[in-house]
Amino acid sequence: MQISKASKAVGGLVEDVDVKDLSDSQFDEIRQAFFDYGALFFRDQDLTPEDHIAFAKRWGEIDVNRFFSPVPDYPEIAEVLKEADQELNIGGSWHTDHSYDEAPAMGSILYALDIPPSGGDTLFAGMATAYEALPQEMKGRIANLKARHGNDHAFGETSEYRKAMGGRLINPEAAGQQAVHPIVLTHPDSGKKGIYVNPGFTLQIEGMDKAESDALLAELYAHVQQPQFHYRHVWEEGMLAMWDNRATWHNALNDYQGHRRYLHRITMEGVPLSQTH
């Protein structure tokens, strides 16, 4: 097994390994790399749903997604699906999953089953690298700020996104959660400082009026969206990708109209971010 950096900013490539057959020492090495790099990418995996679930359970408890349609007979696995005749994809803008929860999910494990002949790549952004590159003045400005995150605009009854997804989202009555987290997060496992706001689910900075909050968030978002903080993952069938929601953003590119894209996703439980310091 070899693990190498995928880019300077985020991600690691794990080669010559089968995640179905990891020794304890290999798993420990992968776990450390996950927290070091924020995301990991494995080629040439051959997983049944049972294999996928077993690998996820080595990381801890599974966080069953409340809004994505599950794979039949496997409620732990969410479908990430866009059919050839559909226009909108899942996750097609910068975000980090579950930041609206008091205990945001640690991360997700996504397995590729049906990939278009071109397009459908996923961009990842590294929050620790982006934070390190902030000017000192901005680091001081955001050091003690907190932001409120929510999901009703994405998953609630009246969400335009839900309507446009054409039945691929479920349980609108389960939406409405909000949570407040620090903008500068000390990662609970790596100890690294990173930016913890995102365009998908961050609503407003606490203690600021909306105009001031929007301006500061826009400045942070523009900073993170610079390409030097990114890795572009090109999918192939049989690839497995996993990312740390506390250390990354991701953005699934929607540039494969007329083709099907189908992946299975399992999400792992995290801890309340109030436990970090």
Protein backbone atom coordinates (compact mmCIF):
# COMPACT_ATOMS: atom_id res chain seq x y z
CA MET A 1 0.00 0.00 0.00
CA GLN A 2 1.23 3.47 -0.93
CA ILE A 3 -0.27 6.78 0.16
CA SER A 4 0.76 10.02 -1.55
CA LYS A 5 -0.52 13.58 -1.73
CA ALA A 6 -3.17 14.25 -4.34
CA SER A 7 -2.39 17.98 -4.33
CA LYS A 8 -0.55 20.46 -2.15
CA ALA A 9 -3.81 21.64 -0.58
CA VAL A 10 -6.01 18.61 0.01
CA GLY A 11 -6.39 14.89 -0.57
CA GLY A 12 -4.33 11.71 -0.64
CA LEU A 13 -4.11 8.87 -3.18
CA VAL A 14 -4.16 5.37 -1.69
CA GLU A 15 -2.85 2.72 -4.08
CA ASP A 16 -2.29 -1.03 -4.13
CA VAL A 17 -4.85 -1.86 -1.48
CA ASP A 18 -8.25 -3.53 -1.23
CA VAL A 19 -10.41 -1.88 1.45
CA LYS A 20 -12.22 -5.21 1.97
CA ASP A 21 -9.00 -6.77 3.24
CA LEU A 22 -7.18 -4.22 5.38
CA SER A 23 -4.98 -5.26 8.26
CA ASP A 24 -5.30 -3.29 11.48
CA SER A 25 -1.99 -1.55 10.78
CA GLN A 26 -3.06 -0.61 7.25
CA PHE A 27 -6.33 0.78 8.55
CA ASP A 28 -4.49 2.81 11.19
CA GLU A 29 -2.24 4.26 8.47
CA ILE A 30 -5.26 5.12 6.31
CA ARG A 31 -7.04 6.71 9.25
CA GLN A 32 -4.06 8.92 10.02
CA ALA A 33 -3.77 9.90 6.34
CA PHE A 34 -7.46 10.79 6.27
CA PHE A 35 -6.98 13.33 9.05
CA ASP A 36 -3.69 14.55 7.58
CA TYR A 37 -5.03 15.09 4.05
CA GLY A 38 -8.77 15.72 4.54
CA ALA A 39 -9.80 13.30 1.77
CA LEU A 40 -8.62 9.97 0.34
CA PHE A 41 -9.09 8.36 -3.07
CA PHE A 42 -8.87 4.62 -3.81
CA ARG A 43 -8.83 3.14 -7.33
CA ASP A 44 -9.93 -0.33 -8.47
CA GLN A 45 -12.21 -1.33 -5.63
CA ASP A 46 -14.86 -4.04 -6.07
CA LEU A 47 -17.44 -3.61 -3.33
CA THR A 48 -20.82 -5.10 -2.59
CA PRO A 49 -23.14 -3.01 -0.41
CA GLU A 50 -22.14 -5.27 2.48
CA ASP A 51 -18.45 -4.55 1.84
CA HIS A 52 -19.13 -0.80 1.72
CA ILE A 53 -21.00 -0.93 5.02
CA ALA A 54 -18.31 -3.06 6.68
CA PHE A 55 -15.58 -0.59 5.68
CA ALA A 56 -17.65 2.35 6.96
CA LYS A 57 -18.23 0.63 10.30
CA ARG A 58 -14.48 0.42 10.90
CA TRP A 59 -14.60 4.23 11.23
CA GLY A 60 -17.46 4.30 13.73
CA GLU A 61 -21.23 4.56 13.69
CA ILE A 62 -23.04 5.21 10.41
CA ASP A 63 -25.06 8.43 10.14
CA VAL A 64 -28.12 7.41 8.10
CA ASN A 65 -28.90 10.27 5.73
CA ARG A 66 -32.42 11.61 6.26
CA PHE A 67 -32.89 13.36 2.91
CA PHE A 68 -31.40 11.16 0.14
CA SER A 69 -33.25 8.12 -1.18
CA PRO A 70 -31.65 4.95 0.21
CA VAL A 71 -30.47 1.97 -1.80
CA PRO A 72 -33.24 -0.67 -1.64
CA ASP A 73 -32.64 -3.04 1.30
CA TYR A 74 -29.67 -0.95 2.51
CA PRO A 75 -30.91 2.07 4.51
CA GLU A 76 -27.32 2.92 5.51
CA ILE A 77 -26.43 3.68 1.86
CA ALA A 78 -27.74 6.79 0.11
CA GLU A 79 -28.14 7.00 -3.65
CA VAL A 80 -26.25 9.78 -5.41
CA LEU A 81 -27.99 9.61 -8.75
CA LYS A 82 -28.55 11.67 -11.85
CA GLU A 83 -30.31 9.95 -14.74
CA ALA A 84 -29.52 10.86 -18.34
CA ASP A 85 -32.76 12.83 -18.74
CA GLN A 86 -32.35 14.85 -15.51
CA GLU A 87 -30.83 18.33 -15.47
CA LEU A 88 -29.93 18.95 -11.81
CA ASN A 89 -27.32 16.87 -9.99
CA ILE A 90 -26.84 16.21 -6.29
CA GLY A 91 -24.20 18.34 -4.59
CA GLY A 92 -23.60 20.61 -7.57
CA SER A 93 -22.26 23.62 -5.67
CA TRP A 94 -19.63 24.22 -3.00
CA HIS A 95 -20.71 22.90 0.40
CA THR A 96 -19.80 20.64 3.28
CA ASP A 97 -22.27 18.00 4.43
CA HIS A 98 -24.29 18.21 7.63
CA SER A 99 -22.88 21.48 8.99
CA TYR A 100 -26.49 22.20 10.07
CA ASP A 101 -26.25 19.43 12.71
CA GLU A 102 -25.00 19.99 16.26
CA ALA A 103 -22.74 16.98 15.66
CA PRO A 104 -21.87 17.28 11.96
CA ALA A 105 -21.07 14.03 10.20
CA MET A 106 -17.38 13.15 10.34
CA GLY A 107 -17.29 12.34 6.65
CA SER A 108 -18.65 10.32 3.78
CA ILE A 109 -17.49 7.32 1.74
CA LEU A 110 -18.64 7.50 -1.90
CA TYR A 111 -18.37 4.50 -4.25
CA ALA A 112 -18.67 4.89 -8.03
CA LEU A 113 -20.90 2.46 -9.91
CA ASP A 114 -21.88 4.22 -13.15
CA ILE A 115 -19.74 7.13 -14.38
CA PRO A 116 -20.30 9.21 -17.55
CA PRO A 117 -17.69 8.94 -20.33
CA SER A 118 -16.48 12.43 -19.46
CA GLY A 119 -17.39 15.07 -16.86
CA GLY A 120 -18.87 14.57 -13.44
CA ASP A 121 -15.60 15.28 -11.61
CA THR A 122 -15.71 16.40 -7.97
CA LEU A 123 -13.74 19.39 -6.70
CA PHE A 124 -12.42 19.34 -3.14
CA ALA A 125 -11.12 22.33 -1.18
CA GLY A 126 -8.79 22.11 1.83
CA MET A 127 -9.94 24.26 4.73
CA ALA A 128 -6.71 24.08 6.73
CA THR A 129 -4.58 25.19 3.78
CA ALA A 130 -7.05 27.97 2.99
CA TYR A 131 -7.02 29.14 6.60
CA GLU A 132 -3.22 29.18 6.74
CA ALA A 133 -3.15 31.43 3.66
CA LEU A 134 -5.48 34.05 5.13
CA PRO A 135 -3.97 37.46 5.92
CA GLN A 136 -3.25 37.92 9.62
CA GLU A 137 -5.82 40.72 9.76
CA MET A 138 -8.55 38.35 8.57
CA LYS A 139 -7.42 35.61 10.96
CA GLY A 140 -7.78 38.07 13.81
CA ARG A 141 -11.14 39.30 12.56
CA ILE A 142 -12.73 35.83 12.47
CA ALA A 143 -10.88 34.26 15.42
CA ASN A 144 -13.78 34.33 17.87
CA LEU A 145 -16.77 34.50 15.54
CA LYS A 146 -19.49 31.88 15.21
CA ALA A 147 -21.93 31.24 12.37
CA ARG A 148 -25.37 29.70 12.16
CA HIS A 149 -25.97 26.87 9.70
CA GLY A 150 -29.31 25.47 8.49
CA ASN A 151 -30.92 23.16 5.94
CA ASP A 152 -34.52 24.22 5.41
CA HIS A 153 -33.69 26.14 2.22
CA ALA A 154 -32.24 22.96 0.72
CA PHE A 155 -34.36 20.11 2.08
CA GLY A 156 -37.56 21.67 3.49
CA GLU A 157 -41.12 21.49 2.14
CA THR A 158 -40.89 24.72 0.14
CA SER A 159 -37.31 24.29 -1.10
CA GLU A 160 -36.86 25.07 -4.79
CA TYR A 161 -33.91 22.67 -4.81
CA ARG A 162 -36.13 19.86 -3.51
CA LYS A 163 -38.73 20.58 -6.19
CA ALA A 164 -36.08 20.58 -8.91
CA MET A 165 -34.67 17.23 -7.75
CA GLY A 166 -37.77 15.41 -8.99
CA GLY A 167 -38.32 12.93 -6.17
CA ARG A 168 -34.66 12.12 -5.40
CA LEU A 169 -34.98 13.76 -1.96
CA ILE A 170 -37.17 12.41 0.83
CA ASN A 171 -38.49 13.43 4.28
CA PRO A 172 -39.05 17.19 3.90
CA GLU A 173 -40.60 17.16 7.37
CA ALA A 174 -37.18 16.19 8.78
CA ALA A 175 -35.63 19.50 7.67
CA GLY A 176 -35.37 22.67 9.71
CA GLN A 177 -32.28 21.98 11.83
CA GLN A 178 -29.96 24.83 12.71
CA ALA A 179 -26.65 24.78 14.56
CA VAL A 180 -24.04 27.35 15.56
CA HIS A 181 -20.35 26.54 15.08
CA PRO A 182 -17.07 28.48 15.28
CA ILE A 183 -15.88 29.99 11.98
CA VAL A 184 -12.34 28.94 12.84
CA LEU A 185 -12.56 25.27 13.76
CA THR A 186 -9.85 23.38 15.57
CA HIS A 187 -10.23 19.94 14.07
CA PRO A 188 -11.20 17.36 16.72
CA ASP A 189 -8.78 14.72 15.40
CA SER A 190 -5.91 16.50 13.65
CA GLY A 191 -5.80 19.63 15.82
CA LYS A 192 -5.38 21.77 12.68
CA LYS A 193 -7.22 25.08 12.39
CA GLY A 194 -9.49 25.48 9.39
CA ILE A 195 -12.31 27.61 8.02
CA TYR A 196 -15.74 26.21 8.93
CA VAL A 197 -18.34 28.08 6.93
CA ASN A 198 -19.67 27.02 3.53
CA PRO A 199 -21.92 28.47 0.79
CA GLY A 200 -24.36 25.56 0.92
CA PHE A 201 -25.55 25.69 4.52
CA THR A 202 -24.11 28.68 6.40
CA LEU A 203 -26.89 31.21 7.02
CA GLN A 204 -25.40 34.13 8.97
CA ILE A 205 -22.61 35.11 11.32
CA GLU A 206 -23.85 35.47 14.88
CA GLY A 207 -23.96 39.02 16.25
CA MET A 208 -23.73 40.70 12.83
CA ASP A 209 -26.44 42.29 10.74
CA LYS A 210 -27.15 40.41 7.54
CA ALA A 211 -25.39 42.82 5.18
CA GLU A 212 -22.16 42.74 7.18
CA SER A 213 -22.38 38.99 7.59
CA ASP A 214 -23.00 38.43 3.88
CA ALA A 215 -20.03 40.61 2.96
CA LEU A 216 -17.64 38.79 5.30
CA LEU A 217 -18.87 35.36 4.24
CA ALA A 218 -18.52 36.34 0.56
CA GLU A 219 -14.91 37.37 1.23
CA LEU A 220 -14.14 34.04 2.89
CA TYR A 221 -15.88 32.08 0.12
CA ALA A 222 -13.96 33.93 -2.59
CA HIS A 223 -10.73 33.11 -0.78
CA VAL A 224 -11.48 29.36 -0.50
CA GLN A 225 -12.62 29.16 -4.14
CA GLN A 226 -9.13 30.04 -5.39
CA PRO A 227 -7.79 27.02 -7.33
CA GLN A 228 -4.59 26.67 -5.28
CA PHE A 229 -6.70 25.25 -2.45
CA HIS A 230 -8.39 22.58 -4.62
CA TYR A 231 -8.03 19.05 -5.94
CA ARG A 232 -10.10 17.87 -8.91
CA HIS A 233 -11.04 14.21 -8.59
CA VAL A 234 -11.69 12.43 -11.90
CA TRP A 235 -14.00 9.49 -11.29
CA GLU A 236 -13.77 5.98 -12.72
CA GLU A 237 -16.06 3.06 -12.02
CA GLY A 238 -14.86 1.20 -8.95
CA MET A 239 -13.31 4.26 -7.34
CA LEU A 240 -13.89 5.01 -3.68
CA ALA A 241 -13.54 8.53 -2.31
CA MET A 242 -13.90 9.63 1.29
CA TRP A 243 -13.72 13.10 2.74
CA ASP A 244 -13.70 14.79 6.12
CA ASN A 245 -16.58 17.26 6.42
CA ARG A 246 -14.73 19.20 9.14
CA ALA A 247 -11.70 19.76 6.87
CA THR A 248 -13.04 20.14 3.32
CA TRP A 249 -15.65 21.52 0.96
CA HIS A 250 -16.70 19.64 -2.16
CA ASN A 251 -18.54 20.43 -5.38
CA ALA A 252 -19.85 17.81 -7.83
CA LEU A 253 -19.57 19.27 -11.34
CA ASN A 254 -22.71 19.03 -13.45
CA ASP A 255 -21.16 18.89 -16.93
CA TYR A 256 -22.36 15.55 -18.29
CA GLN A 257 -25.86 16.24 -19.63
CA GLY A 258 -27.43 13.23 -21.32
CA HIS A 259 -25.46 10.68 -19.29
CA ARG A 260 -26.20 8.72 -16.14
CA ARG A 261 -24.05 9.08 -13.01
CA TYR A 262 -24.70 6.77 -10.05
CA LEU A 263 -22.76 6.36 -6.80
CA HIS A 264 -23.41 4.92 -3.34
CA ARG A 265 -22.69 7.08 -0.28
CA ILE A 266 -22.32 6.17 3.37
CA THR A 267 -21.88 8.91 5.97
CA MET A 268 -20.07 8.44 9.29
CA GLU A 269 -21.16 10.05 12.55
CA GLY A 270 -19.14 12.92 13.99
CA VAL A 271 -18.93 14.72 17.33
CA PRO A 272 -20.40 18.02 18.52
CA LEU A 273 -17.98 20.72 17.46
CA SER A 274 -18.40 22.39 20.84
CA GLN A 275 -16.11 19.60 22.05
CA THR A 276 -13.24 21.10 20.05
CA HIS A 277 -11.04 23.90 21.35
